[in-house]
């Protein structure tokens, strides 16, 4: 059994009860892997289930709400998703790029900065 909760869209909390005596907790900022804790020191399955339910109840009381778990999505994005082929209509709208002048300023007369050409006050 897996429960995925989010708090204000910034934090997540995931609790997974997989085997008889194992509960895995993951938590952190949304969009990150977060931290993971595995708790295995239960005497029996009932104790693990009680711990799992208590943790879920506590998080919901603290303001966490149910959300869709990004790790459980079984769809894999295709390698061409979001990409678009260039067509004849795709042209450089801005026009040609102006070329920089090859002439360099000689010396720093009257300026405090050779790079930007600012004058001294």
PDB file of N, CA and C in Angstrom:
ATOM      1  N   UNK A   1       0.843  -1.174   0.000  1.00  0.00           N
ATOM      2  CA  UNK A   1       0.000   0.000   0.000  1.00  0.00           C
ATOM      3  C   UNK A   1       0.889   1.239   0.000  1.00  0.00           C
ATOM      4  N   UNK A   2       0.544   2.229  -0.844  1.00  0.00           N
ATOM      5  CA  UNK A   2       1.325   3.455  -0.958  1.00  0.00           C
ATOM      6  C   UNK A   2       0.420   4.664  -0.784  1.00  0.00           C
ATOM      7  N   UNK A   3       0.893   5.643  -0.018  1.00  0.00           N
ATOM      8  CA  UNK A   3       0.179   6.907   0.154  1.00  0.00           C
ATOM      9  C   UNK A   3       1.149   8.026  -0.196  1.00  0.00           C
ATOM     10  N   UNK A   4       0.707   8.946  -1.071  1.00  0.00           N
ATOM     11  CA  UNK A   4       1.522  10.095  -1.458  1.00  0.00           C
ATOM     12  C   UNK A   4       0.750  11.353  -1.104  1.00  0.00           C
ATOM     13  N   UNK A   5       1.366  12.219  -0.288  1.00  0.00           N
ATOM     14  CA  UNK A   5       0.721  13.449   0.163  1.00  0.00           C
ATOM     15  C   UNK A   5       1.619  14.639  -0.139  1.00  0.00           C
ATOM     16  N   UNK A   6       0.996  15.803  -0.377  1.00  0.00           N
ATOM     17  CA  UNK A   6       1.745  17.044  -0.597  1.00  0.00           C
ATOM     18  C   UNK A   6       1.224  18.114   0.350  1.00  0.00           C
ATOM     19  N   UNK A   7       2.118  19.041   0.687  1.00  0.00           N
ATOM     20  CA  UNK A   7       1.755  20.152   1.572  1.00  0.00           C
ATOM     21  C   UNK A   7       2.025  21.452   0.827  1.00  0.00           C
ATOM     22  N   UNK A   8       0.981  22.183   0.491  1.00  0.00           N
ATOM     23  CA  UNK A   8       1.064  23.479  -0.197  1.00  0.00           C
ATOM     24  C   UNK A   8       1.807  23.404  -1.524  1.00  0.00           C
ATOM     25  N   UNK A   9       1.930  22.233  -2.099  1.00  0.00           N
ATOM     26  CA  UNK A   9       2.611  22.089  -3.374  1.00  0.00           C
ATOM     27  C   UNK A   9       4.113  22.257  -3.302  1.00  0.00           C
ATOM     28  N   UNK A  10       4.669  22.359  -2.087  1.00  0.00           N
ATOM     29  CA  UNK A  10       6.114  22.558  -1.952  1.00  0.00           C
ATOM     30  C   UNK A  10       6.810  21.359  -1.328  1.00  0.00           C
ATOM     31  N   UNK A  11       6.091  20.615  -0.477  1.00  0.00           N
ATOM     32  CA  UNK A  11       6.695  19.463   0.192  1.00  0.00           C
ATOM     33  C   UNK A  11       5.893  18.211  -0.118  1.00  0.00           C
ATOM     34  N   UNK A  12       6.583  17.076  -0.160  1.00  0.00           N
ATOM     35  CA  UNK A  12       5.877  15.820  -0.360  1.00  0.00           C
ATOM     36  C   UNK A  12       6.224  14.845   0.747  1.00  0.00           C
ATOM     37  N   UNK A  13       5.371  13.845   0.905  1.00  0.00           N
ATOM     38  CA  UNK A  13       5.587  12.773   1.879  1.00  0.00           C
ATOM     39  C   UNK A  13       4.985  11.506   1.294  1.00  0.00           C
ATOM     40  N   UNK A  14       5.778  10.450   1.220  1.00  0.00           N
ATOM     41  CA  UNK A  14       5.337   9.176   0.650  1.00  0.00           C
ATOM     42  C   UNK A  14       5.588   8.081   1.670  1.00  0.00           C
ATOM     43  N   UNK A  15       4.591   7.235   1.887  1.00  0.00           N
ATOM     44  CA  UNK A  15       4.721   6.126   2.815  1.00  0.00           C
ATOM     45  C   UNK A  15       4.331   4.853   2.073  1.00  0.00           C
ATOM     46  N   UNK A  16       5.217   3.864   2.093  1.00  0.00           N
ATOM     47  CA  UNK A  16       4.986   2.611   1.380  1.00  0.00           C
ATOM     48  C   UNK A  16       5.078   1.459   2.374  1.00  0.00           C
ATOM     49  N   UNK A  17       4.015   0.669   2.428  1.00  0.00           N
ATOM     50  CA  UNK A  17       4.002  -0.526   3.272  1.00  0.00           C
ATOM     51  C   UNK A  17       4.028  -1.710   2.322  1.00  0.00           C
ATOM     52  N   UNK A  18       5.235  -2.273   2.093  1.00  0.00           N
ATOM     53  CA  UNK A  18       5.388  -3.297   1.066  1.00  0.00           C
ATOM     54  C   UNK A  18       5.307  -4.707   1.625  1.00  0.00           C
ATOM     55  N   UNK A  19       6.162  -5.018   2.541  1.00  0.00           N
ATOM     56  CA  UNK A  19       6.170  -6.377   3.084  1.00  0.00           C
ATOM     57  C   UNK A  19       5.582  -6.374   4.492  1.00  0.00           C
ATOM     58  N   UNK A  20       5.548  -7.539   5.105  1.00  0.00           N
ATOM     59  CA  UNK A  20       4.907  -7.698   6.410  1.00  0.00           C
ATOM     60  C   UNK A  20       5.495  -6.795   7.479  1.00  0.00           C
ATOM     61  N   UNK A  21       6.807  -6.639   7.498  1.00  0.00           N
ATOM     62  CA  UNK A  21       7.446  -5.890   8.583  1.00  0.00           C
ATOM     63  C   UNK A  21       8.304  -4.732   8.065  1.00  0.00           C
ATOM     64  N   UNK A  22       7.915  -4.114   6.950  1.00  0.00           N
ATOM     65  CA  UNK A  22       8.741  -3.053   6.362  1.00  0.00           C
ATOM     66  C   UNK A  22       7.863  -1.881   5.928  1.00  0.00           C
ATOM     67  N   UNK A  23       8.222  -0.667   6.390  1.00  0.00           N
ATOM     68  CA  UNK A  23       7.559   0.568   5.992  1.00  0.00           C
ATOM     69  C   UNK A  23       8.650   1.522   5.510  1.00  0.00           C
ATOM     70  N   UNK A  24       8.457   2.067   4.292  1.00  0.00           N
ATOM     71  CA  UNK A  24       9.425   3.001   3.716  1.00  0.00           C
ATOM     72  C   UNK A  24       8.803   4.383   3.675  1.00  0.00           C
ATOM     73  N   UNK A  25       9.501   5.373   4.223  1.00  0.00           N
ATOM     74  CA  UNK A  25       9.053   6.760   4.231  1.00  0.00           C
ATOM     75  C   UNK A  25       9.987   7.581   3.352  1.00  0.00           C
ATOM     76  N   UNK A  26       9.432   8.406   2.480  1.00  0.00           N
ATOM     77  CA  UNK A  26      10.214   9.338   1.674  1.00  0.00           C
ATOM     78  C   UNK A  26       9.592  10.714   1.852  1.00  0.00           C
ATOM     79  N   UNK A  27      10.432  11.734   1.953  1.00  0.00           N
ATOM     80  CA  UNK A  27       9.925  13.081   2.149  1.00  0.00           C
ATOM     81  C   UNK A  27      10.940  14.081   1.647  1.00  0.00           C
ATOM     82  N   UNK A  28      10.452  15.288   1.312  1.00  0.00           N
ATOM     83  CA  UNK A  28      11.343  16.341   0.840  1.00  0.00           C
ATOM     84  C   UNK A  28      10.585  17.379   0.032  1.00  0.00           C
ATOM     85  N   UNK A  29      11.336  18.181  -0.735  1.00  0.00           N
ATOM     86  CA  UNK A  29      10.739  19.193  -1.591  1.00  0.00           C
ATOM     87  C   UNK A  29      10.187  18.544  -2.845  1.00  0.00           C
ATOM     88  N   UNK A  30       9.069  19.047  -3.325  1.00  0.00           N
ATOM     89  CA  UNK A  30       8.488  18.536  -4.567  1.00  0.00           C
ATOM     90  C   UNK A  30       9.475  18.751  -5.709  1.00  0.00           C
ATOM     91  N   UNK A  31       9.613  17.746  -6.539  1.00  0.00           N
ATOM     92  CA  UNK A  31      10.529  17.826  -7.672  1.00  0.00           C
ATOM     93  C   UNK A  31      11.901  17.253  -7.377  1.00  0.00           C
ATOM     94  N   UNK A  32      12.169  16.897  -6.129  1.00  0.00           N
ATOM     95  CA  UNK A  32      13.457  16.307  -5.778  1.00  0.00           C
ATOM     96  C   UNK A  32      13.260  14.849  -5.377  1.00  0.00           C
ATOM     97  N   UNK A  33      14.357  14.140  -5.237  1.00  0.00           N
ATOM     98  CA  UNK A  33      14.288  12.751  -4.777  1.00  0.00           C
ATOM     99  C   UNK A  33      13.866  12.687  -3.314  1.00  0.00           C
ATOM    100  N   UNK A  34      14.304  13.661  -2.533  1.00  0.00           N
ATOM    101  CA  UNK A  34      13.977  13.675  -1.120  1.00  0.00           C
ATOM    102  C   UNK A  34      14.829  12.687  -0.329  1.00  0.00           C
ATOM    103  N   UNK A  35      14.498  12.509   0.913  1.00  0.00           N
ATOM    104  CA  UNK A  35      15.194  11.567   1.794  1.00  0.00           C
ATOM    105  C   UNK A  35      14.318  10.350   1.989  1.00  0.00           C
ATOM    106  N   UNK A  36      14.958   9.221   2.227  1.00  0.00           N
ATOM    107  CA  UNK A  36      14.222   7.974   2.418  1.00  0.00           C
ATOM    108  C   UNK A  36      14.642   7.303   3.711  1.00  0.00           C
ATOM    109  N   UNK A  37      13.660   6.828   4.463  1.00  0.00           N
ATOM    110  CA  UNK A  37      13.895   6.066   5.687  1.00  0.00           C
ATOM    111  C   UNK A  37      13.173   4.737   5.556  1.00  0.00           C
ATOM    112  N   UNK A  38      13.849   3.671   5.945  1.00  0.00           N
ATOM    113  CA  UNK A  38      13.224   2.348   5.944  1.00  0.00           C
ATOM    114  C   UNK A  38      13.137   1.877   7.382  1.00  0.00           C
ATOM    115  N   UNK A  39      11.934   1.547   7.805  1.00  0.00           N
ATOM    116  CA  UNK A  39      11.721   1.100   9.185  1.00  0.00           C
ATOM    117  C   UNK A  39      11.350  -0.379   9.145  1.00  0.00           C
ATOM    118  N   UNK A  40      12.157  -1.200   9.800  1.00  0.00           N
ATOM    119  CA  UNK A  40      11.949  -2.656   9.760  1.00  0.00           C
ATOM    120  C   UNK A  40      11.884  -3.293  11.140  1.00  0.00           C
ATOM    121  N   UNK A  41      11.884  -2.501  12.189  1.00  0.00           N
ATOM    122  CA  UNK A  41      11.929  -3.068  13.544  1.00  0.00           C
ATOM    123  C   UNK A  41      10.538  -3.334  14.130  1.00  0.00           C
ATOM    124  N   UNK A  42       9.652  -3.905  13.331  1.00  0.00           N
ATOM    125  CA  UNK A  42       8.319  -4.270  13.805  1.00  0.00           C
ATOM    126  C   UNK A  42       8.288  -5.747  14.176  1.00  0.00           C
ATOM    127  N   UNK A  43       7.490  -6.086  15.187  1.00  0.00           N
ATOM    128  CA  UNK A  43       7.398  -7.483  15.634  1.00  0.00           C
ATOM    129  C   UNK A  43       6.509  -8.312  14.714  1.00  0.00           C
ATOM    130  N   UNK A  44       5.466  -7.661  14.142  1.00  0.00           N
ATOM    131  CA  UNK A  44       4.547  -8.394  13.267  1.00  0.00           C
ATOM    132  C   UNK A  44       3.911  -7.438  12.258  1.00  0.00           C
ATOM    133  N   UNK A  45       3.106  -7.999  11.365  1.00  0.00           N
ATOM    134  CA  UNK A  45       2.463  -7.214  10.312  1.00  0.00           C
ATOM    135  C   UNK A  45       1.492  -6.176  10.887  1.00  0.00           C
ATOM    136  N   UNK A  46       0.760  -6.545  11.915  1.00  0.00           N
ATOM    137  CA  UNK A  46      -0.208  -5.633  12.542  1.00  0.00           C
ATOM    138  C   UNK A  46       0.453  -4.383  13.093  1.00  0.00           C
ATOM    139  N   UNK A  47       1.606  -4.549  13.707  1.00  0.00           N
ATOM    140  CA  UNK A  47       2.338  -3.407  14.266  1.00  0.00           C
ATOM    141  C   UNK A  47       2.796  -2.469  13.142  1.00  0.00           C
ATOM    142  N   UNK A  48       3.238  -3.043  12.021  1.00  0.00           N
ATOM    143  CA  UNK A  48       3.668  -2.244  10.876  1.00  0.00           C
ATOM    144  C   UNK A  48       2.487  -1.483  10.277  1.00  0.00           C
ATOM    145  N   UNK A  49       1.329  -2.138  10.159  1.00  0.00           N
ATOM    146  CA  UNK A  49       0.143  -1.489   9.630  1.00  0.00           C
ATOM    147  C   UNK A  49      -0.335  -0.361  10.535  1.00  0.00           C
ATOM    148  N   UNK A  50      -0.268  -0.573  11.840  1.00  0.00           N
ATOM    149  CA  UNK A  50      -0.652   0.458  12.799  1.00  0.00           C
ATOM    150  C   UNK A  50       0.252   1.677  12.672  1.00  0.00           C
ATOM    151  N   UNK A  51       1.555   1.445  12.557  1.00  0.00           N
ATOM    152  CA  UNK A  51       2.524   2.523  12.387  1.00  0.00           C
ATOM    153  C   UNK A  51       2.219   3.297  11.098  1.00  0.00           C
ATOM    154  N   UNK A  52       1.965   2.568  10.002  1.00  0.00           N
ATOM    155  CA  UNK A  52       1.668   3.159   8.703  1.00  0.00           C
ATOM    156  C   UNK A  52       0.437   4.068   8.804  1.00  0.00           C
ATOM    157  N   UNK A  53      -0.637   3.563   9.373  1.00  0.00           N
ATOM    158  CA  UNK A  53      -1.880   4.328   9.491  1.00  0.00           C
ATOM    159  C   UNK A  53      -1.720   5.550  10.391  1.00  0.00           C
ATOM    160  N   UNK A  54      -0.955   5.398  11.469  1.00  0.00           N
ATOM    161  CA  UNK A  54      -0.719   6.516  12.389  1.00  0.00           C
ATOM    162  C   UNK A  54       0.065   7.628  11.695  1.00  0.00           C
ATOM    163  N   UNK A  55       1.083   7.262  10.907  1.00  0.00           N
ATOM    164  CA  UNK A  55       1.883   8.254  10.192  1.00  0.00           C
ATOM    165  C   UNK A  55       1.031   9.016   9.173  1.00  0.00           C
ATOM    166  N   UNK A  56       0.200   8.289   8.426  1.00  0.00           N
ATOM    167  CA  UNK A  56      -0.664   8.928   7.429  1.00  0.00           C
ATOM    168  C   UNK A  56      -1.634   9.887   8.104  1.00  0.00           C
ATOM    169  N   UNK A  57      -2.245   9.463   9.205  1.00  0.00           N
ATOM    170  CA  UNK A  57      -3.198  10.292   9.937  1.00  0.00           C
ATOM    171  C   UNK A  57      -2.523  11.568  10.458  1.00  0.00           C
ATOM    172  N   UNK A  58      -1.311  11.425  10.971  1.00  0.00           N
ATOM    173  CA  UNK A  58      -0.572  12.568  11.508  1.00  0.00           C
ATOM    174  C   UNK A  58      -0.265  13.589  10.411  1.00  0.00           C
ATOM    175  N   UNK A  59       0.148  13.119   9.237  1.00  0.00           N
ATOM    176  CA  UNK A  59       0.485  14.026   8.130  1.00  0.00           C
ATOM    177  C   UNK A  59      -0.761  14.745   7.612  1.00  0.00           C
ATOM    178  N   UNK A  60      -1.858  14.028   7.508  1.00  0.00           N
ATOM    179  CA  UNK A  60      -3.093  14.665   7.039  1.00  0.00           C
ATOM    180  C   UNK A  60      -3.564  15.728   8.033  1.00  0.00           C
ATOM    181  N   UNK A  61      -3.376  15.464   9.310  1.00  0.00           N
ATOM    182  CA  UNK A  61      -3.741  16.427  10.342  1.00  0.00           C
ATOM    183  C   UNK A  61      -2.860  17.675  10.260  1.00  0.00           C
ATOM    184  N   UNK A  62      -1.613  17.496   9.788  1.00  0.00           N
ATOM    185  CA  UNK A  62      -0.668  18.607   9.673  1.00  0.00           C
ATOM    186  C   UNK A  62      -0.882  19.429   8.404  1.00  0.00           C
ATOM    187  N   UNK A  63      -1.865  19.047   7.575  1.00  0.00           N
ATOM    188  CA  UNK A  63      -2.170  19.853   6.397  1.00  0.00           C
ATOM    189  C   UNK A  63      -1.762  19.232   5.076  1.00  0.00           C
ATOM    190  N   UNK A  64      -1.240  18.027   5.091  1.00  0.00           N
ATOM    191  CA  UNK A  64      -0.885  17.345   3.849  1.00  0.00           C
ATOM    192  C   UNK A  64      -2.163  16.812   3.193  1.00  0.00           C
ATOM    193  N   UNK A  65      -2.221  16.895   1.864  1.00  0.00           N
ATOM    194  CA  UNK A  65      -3.396  16.414   1.123  1.00  0.00           C
ATOM    195  C   UNK A  65      -2.958  15.390   0.081  1.00  0.00           C
ATOM    196  N   UNK A  66      -3.904  14.532  -0.317  1.00  0.00           N
ATOM    197  CA  UNK A  66      -3.616  13.515  -1.321  1.00  0.00           C
ATOM    198  C   UNK A  66      -3.241  14.169  -2.650  1.00  0.00           C
ATOM    199  N   UNK A  67      -2.274  13.577  -3.320  1.00  0.00           N
ATOM    200  CA  UNK A  67      -1.840  14.062  -4.631  1.00  0.00           C
ATOM    201  C   UNK A  67      -1.399  12.863  -5.462  1.00  0.00           C
ATOM    202  N   UNK A  68      -1.204  13.079  -6.751  1.00  0.00           N
ATOM    203  CA  UNK A  68      -0.757  11.977  -7.603  1.00  0.00           C
ATOM    204  C   UNK A  68       0.752  11.820  -7.467  1.00  0.00           C
ATOM    205  N   UNK A  69       1.176  10.605  -7.287  1.00  0.00           N
ATOM    206  CA  UNK A  69       2.588  10.293  -7.085  1.00  0.00           C
ATOM    207  C   UNK A  69       3.319  10.294  -8.429  1.00  0.00           C
ATOM    208  N   UNK A  70       4.306  11.169  -8.623  1.00  0.00           N
ATOM    209  CA  UNK A  70       5.023  11.209  -9.893  1.00  0.00           C
ATOM    210  C   UNK A  70       5.841   9.950 -10.164  1.00  0.00           C
ATOM    211  N   UNK A  71       6.226   9.224  -9.123  1.00  0.00           N
ATOM    212  CA  UNK A  71       7.008   8.000  -9.318  1.00  0.00           C
ATOM    213  C   UNK A  71       6.151   6.834  -9.781  1.00  0.00           C
ATOM    214  N   UNK A  72       4.863   6.867  -9.489  1.00  0.00           N
ATOM    215  CA  UNK A  72       4.024   5.734  -9.830  1.00  0.00           C
ATOM    216  C   UNK A  72       3.452   5.820 -11.234  1.00  0.00           C
ATOM    217  N   UNK A  73       3.685   6.941 -11.923  1.00  0.00           N
ATOM    218  CA  UNK A  73       3.160   7.045 -13.289  1.00  0.00           C
ATOM    219  C   UNK A  73       3.896   6.061 -14.182  1.00  0.00           C
ATOM    220  N   UNK A  74       3.140   5.271 -14.929  1.00  0.00           N
ATOM    221  CA  UNK A  74       3.739   4.222 -15.739  1.00  0.00           C
ATOM    222  C   UNK A  74       4.016   4.676 -17.162  1.00  0.00           C
ATOM    223  N   UNK A  75       3.574   5.900 -17.506  1.00  0.00           N
ATOM    224  CA  UNK A  75       3.840   6.410 -18.841  1.00  0.00           C
ATOM    225  C   UNK A  75       5.275   6.900 -18.910  1.00  0.00           C
ATOM    226  N   UNK A  76       5.971   6.531 -19.961  1.00  0.00           N
ATOM    227  CA  UNK A  76       7.313   7.041 -20.187  1.00  0.00           C
ATOM    228  C   UNK A  76       7.224   8.037 -21.334  1.00  0.00           C
ATOM    229  N   UNK A  77       7.796   9.229 -21.151  1.00  0.00           N
ATOM    230  CA  UNK A  77       7.719  10.204 -22.230  1.00  0.00           C
ATOM    231  C   UNK A  77       8.548   9.747 -23.424  1.00  0.00           C
ATOM    232  N   UNK A  78       8.003   9.974 -24.600  1.00  0.00           N
ATOM    233  CA  UNK A  78       8.744   9.579 -25.797  1.00  0.00           C
ATOM    234  C   UNK A  78       9.889  10.544 -26.021  1.00  0.00           C
ATOM    235  N   UNK A  79      10.883  10.108 -26.764  1.00  0.00           N
ATOM    236  CA  UNK A  79      12.073  10.935 -26.969  1.00  0.00           C
ATOM    237  C   UNK A  79      11.775  12.137 -27.848  1.00  0.00           C
ATOM    238  N   UNK A  80      10.676  12.118 -28.599  1.00  0.00           N
ATOM    239  CA  UNK A  80      10.337  13.245 -29.459  1.00  0.00           C
ATOM    240  C   UNK A  80       9.248  14.119 -28.863  1.00  0.00           C
ATOM    241  N   UNK A  81       8.852  13.841 -27.654  1.00  0.00           N
ATOM    242  CA  UNK A  81       7.794  14.627 -27.022  1.00  0.00           C
ATOM    243  C   UNK A  81       8.250  16.062 -26.827  1.00  0.00           C
ATOM    244  N   UNK A  82       7.414  17.001 -27.209  1.00  0.00           N
ATOM    245  CA  UNK A  82       7.723  18.405 -27.022  1.00  0.00           C
ATOM    246  C   UNK A  82       8.636  18.967 -28.099  1.00  0.00           C
ATOM    247  N   UNK A  83       9.122  18.159 -29.011  1.00  0.00           N
ATOM    248  CA  UNK A  83       9.996  18.638 -30.070  1.00  0.00           C
ATOM    249  C   UNK A  83       9.166  18.882 -31.314  1.00  0.00           C
ATOM    250  N   UNK A  84       9.611  19.822 -32.116  1.00  0.00           N
ATOM    251  CA  UNK A  84       8.894  20.168 -33.318  1.00  0.00           C
ATOM    252  C   UNK A  84       9.884  20.221 -34.459  1.00  0.00           C
ATOM    253  N   UNK A  85       9.506  19.691 -35.585  1.00  0.00           N
ATOM    254  CA  UNK A  85      10.372  19.735 -36.753  1.00  0.00           C
ATOM    255  C   UNK A  85      10.340  21.136 -37.342  1.00  0.00           C
ATOM    256  N   UNK A  86      11.490  21.581 -37.861  1.00  0.00           N
ATOM    257  CA  UNK A  86      11.550  22.888 -38.501  1.00  0.00           C
ATOM    258  C   UNK A  86      10.906  22.807 -39.866  1.00  0.00           C
ATOM    259  N   UNK A  87      10.203  23.857 -40.192  1.00  0.00           N
ATOM    260  CA  UNK A  87       9.561  23.915 -41.500  1.00  0.00           C
ATOM    261  C   UNK A  87      10.090  25.110 -42.269  1.00  0.00           C
ATOM    262  N   UNK A  88       9.608  25.277 -43.497  1.00  0.00           N
ATOM    263  CA  UNK A  88      10.034  26.395 -44.330  1.00  0.00           C
ATOM    264  C   UNK A  88       9.585  27.717 -43.742  1.00  0.00           C
ATOM    265  N   UNK A  89       8.500  27.700 -43.000  1.00  0.00           N
ATOM    266  CA  UNK A  89       7.952  28.937 -42.446  1.00  0.00           C
ATOM    267  C   UNK A  89       8.748  29.460 -41.259  1.00  0.00           C
ATOM    268  N   UNK A  90       9.626  28.634 -40.681  1.00  0.00           N
ATOM    269  CA  UNK A  90      10.450  29.069 -39.556  1.00  0.00           C
ATOM    270  C   UNK A  90      11.619  29.891 -40.088  1.00  0.00           C
ATOM    271  N   UNK A  91      11.514  31.174 -39.938  1.00  0.00           N
ATOM    272  CA  UNK A  91      12.572  32.065 -40.410  1.00  0.00           C
ATOM    273  C   UNK A  91      13.026  32.932 -39.256  1.00  0.00           C
ATOM    274  N   UNK A  92      14.194  33.525 -39.425  1.00  0.00           N
ATOM    275  CA  UNK A  92      14.725  34.427 -38.418  1.00  0.00           C
ATOM    276  C   UNK A  92      13.937  35.723 -38.479  1.00  0.00           C
ATOM    277  N   UNK A  93      13.074  35.957 -37.536  1.00  0.00           N
ATOM    278  CA  UNK A  93      12.191  37.106 -37.544  1.00  0.00           C
ATOM    279  C   UNK A  93      12.961  38.392 -37.283  1.00  0.00           C
ATOM    280  N   UNK A  94      13.998  38.340 -36.495  1.00  0.00           N
ATOM    281  CA  UNK A  94      14.732  39.530 -36.111  1.00  0.00           C
ATOM    282  C   UNK A  94      15.572  40.090 -37.257  1.00  0.00           C
ATOM    283  N   UNK A  95      15.818  39.330 -38.272  1.00  0.00           N
ATOM    284  CA  UNK A  95      16.629  39.801 -39.388  1.00  0.00           C
ATOM    285  C   UNK A  95      18.097  39.521 -39.140  1.00  0.00           C
ATOM    286  N   UNK A  96      18.957  40.053 -39.990  1.00  0.00           N
ATOM    287  CA  UNK A  96      20.389  39.784 -39.851  1.00  0.00           C
ATOM    288  C   UNK A  96      20.951  40.445 -38.591  1.00  0.00           C
ATOM    289  N   UNK A  97      21.958  39.831 -38.036  1.00  0.00           N
ATOM    290  CA  UNK A  97      22.600  40.328 -36.824  1.00  0.00           C
ATOM    291  C   UNK A  97      23.625  41.373 -37.214  1.00  0.00           C
ATOM    292  N   UNK A  98      23.626  42.512 -36.513  1.00  0.00           N
ATOM    293  CA  UNK A  98      24.587  43.570 -36.795  1.00  0.00           C
ATOM    294  C   UNK A  98      25.978  43.121 -36.390  1.00  0.00           C
ATOM    295  N   UNK A  99      26.958  43.410 -37.234  1.00  0.00           N
ATOM    296  CA  UNK A  99      28.337  43.027 -36.932  1.00  0.00           C
ATOM    297  C   UNK A  99      28.972  44.057 -36.032  1.00  0.00           C
ATOM    298  N   UNK A 100      29.880  43.606 -35.173  1.00  0.00           N
ATOM    299  CA  UNK A 100      30.604  44.506 -34.293  1.00  0.00           C
ATOM    300  C   UNK A 100      31.730  45.162 -35.076  1.00  0.00           C
ATOM    301  N   UNK A 101      32.038  46.339 -34.676  1.00  0.00           N
ATOM    302  CA  UNK A 101      33.126  47.072 -35.317  1.00  0.00           C
ATOM    303  C   UNK A 101      34.460  46.482 -34.884  1.00  0.00           C
ATOM    304  N   UNK A 102      35.392  46.381 -35.804  1.00  0.00           N
ATOM    305  CA  UNK A 102      36.710  45.840 -35.490  1.00  0.00           C
ATOM    306  C   UNK A 102      37.662  46.907 -34.980  1.00  0.00           C
ATOM    307  N   UNK A 103      37.253  48.159 -34.974  1.00  0.00           N
ATOM    308  CA  UNK A 103      38.137  49.228 -34.513  1.00  0.00           C
ATOM    309  C   UNK A 103      38.178  49.226 -32.998  1.00  0.00           C
ATOM    310  N   UNK A 104      39.391  49.352 -32.475  1.00  0.00           N
ATOM    311  CA  UNK A 104      39.571  49.373 -31.028  1.00  0.00           C
ATOM    312  C   UNK A 104      39.905  50.782 -30.589  1.00  0.00           C
ATOM    313  N   UNK A 105      39.469  51.126 -29.401  1.00  0.00           N
ATOM    314  CA  UNK A 105      39.800  52.429 -28.841  1.00  0.00           C
ATOM    315  C   UNK A 105      41.249  52.406 -28.403  1.00  0.00           C
ATOM    316  N   UNK A 106      41.940  53.470 -28.683  1.00  0.00           N
ATOM    317  CA  UNK A 106      43.334  53.530 -28.252  1.00  0.00           C
ATOM    318  C   UNK A 106      43.414  54.256 -26.924  1.00  0.00           C
ATOM    319  N   UNK A 107      43.968  53.598 -25.924  1.00  0.00           N
ATOM    320  CA  UNK A 107      44.158  54.215 -24.618  1.00  0.00           C
ATOM    321  C   UNK A 107      42.870  54.334 -23.836  1.00  0.00           C
ATOM    322  N   UNK A 108      43.013  54.956 -22.683  1.00  0.00           N
ATOM    323  CA  UNK A 108      41.858  55.129 -21.806  1.00  0.00           C
ATOM    324  C   UNK A 108      41.656  56.595 -21.474  1.00  0.00           C
ATOM    325  N   UNK A 109      41.914  57.474 -22.441  1.00  0.00           N
ATOM    326  CA  UNK A 109      41.795  58.900 -22.182  1.00  0.00           C
ATOM    327  C   UNK A 109      40.355  59.283 -21.833  1.00  0.00           C
ATOM    328  N   UNK A 110      40.181  59.847 -20.664  1.00  0.00           N
ATOM    329  CA  UNK A 110      38.893  60.361 -20.262  1.00  0.00           C
ATOM    330  C   UNK A 110      37.872  59.307 -19.849  1.00  0.00           C
ATOM    331  N   UNK A 111      38.267  58.039 -19.783  1.00  0.00           N
ATOM    332  CA  UNK A 111      37.312  57.015 -19.357  1.00  0.00           C
ATOM    333  C   UNK A 111      37.864  56.278 -18.156  1.00  0.00           C
ATOM    334  N   UNK A 112      36.968  55.768 -17.355  1.00  0.00           N
ATOM    335  CA  UNK A 112      37.402  55.003 -16.202  1.00  0.00           C
ATOM    336  C   UNK A 112      37.320  53.505 -16.488  1.00  0.00           C
ATOM    337  N   UNK A 113      36.674  53.167 -17.553  1.00  0.00           N
ATOM    338  CA  UNK A 113      36.498  51.760 -17.845  1.00  0.00           C
ATOM    339  C   UNK A 113      36.670  51.549 -19.346  1.00  0.00           C
ATOM    340  N   UNK A 114      37.658  50.793 -19.724  1.00  0.00           N
ATOM    341  CA  UNK A 114      37.902  50.584 -21.149  1.00  0.00           C
ATOM    342  C   UNK A 114      36.851  49.696 -21.761  1.00  0.00           C
ATOM    343  N   UNK A 115      36.267  48.833 -20.971  1.00  0.00           N
ATOM    344  CA  UNK A 115      35.289  47.903 -21.516  1.00  0.00           C
ATOM    345  C   UNK A 115      33.982  48.583 -21.883  1.00  0.00           C
ATOM    346  N   UNK A 116      33.489  49.462 -21.022  1.00  0.00           N
ATOM    347  CA  UNK A 116      32.194  50.076 -21.257  1.00  0.00           C
ATOM    348  C   UNK A 116      32.297  51.530 -21.714  1.00  0.00           C
ATOM    349  N   UNK A 117      33.488  52.093 -21.651  1.00  0.00           N
ATOM    350  CA  UNK A 117      33.689  53.475 -22.125  1.00  0.00           C
ATOM    351  C   UNK A 117      33.010  54.525 -21.274  1.00  0.00           C
ATOM    352  N   UNK A 118      32.884  54.295 -19.997  1.00  0.00           N
ATOM    353  CA  UNK A 118      32.266  55.288 -19.111  1.00  0.00           C
ATOM    354  C   UNK A 118      33.259  56.384 -18.794  1.00  0.00           C
ATOM    355  N   UNK A 119      32.769  57.577 -18.685  1.00  0.00           N
ATOM    356  CA  UNK A 119      33.627  58.725 -18.384  1.00  0.00           C
ATOM    357  C   UNK A 119      33.785  58.904 -16.879  1.00  0.00           C
ATOM    358  N   UNK A 120      34.927  59.455 -16.518  1.00  0.00           N
ATOM    359  CA  UNK A 120      35.167  59.768 -15.105  1.00  0.00           C
ATOM    360  C   UNK A 120      34.304  60.945 -14.704  1.00  0.00           C
ATOM    361  N   UNK A 121      33.879  60.955 -13.452  1.00  0.00           N
ATOM    362  CA  UNK A 121      33.072  62.078 -12.945  1.00  0.00           C
ATOM    363  C   UNK A 121      33.935  63.075 -12.263  1.00  0.00           C
TER     364      UNK A 121
END
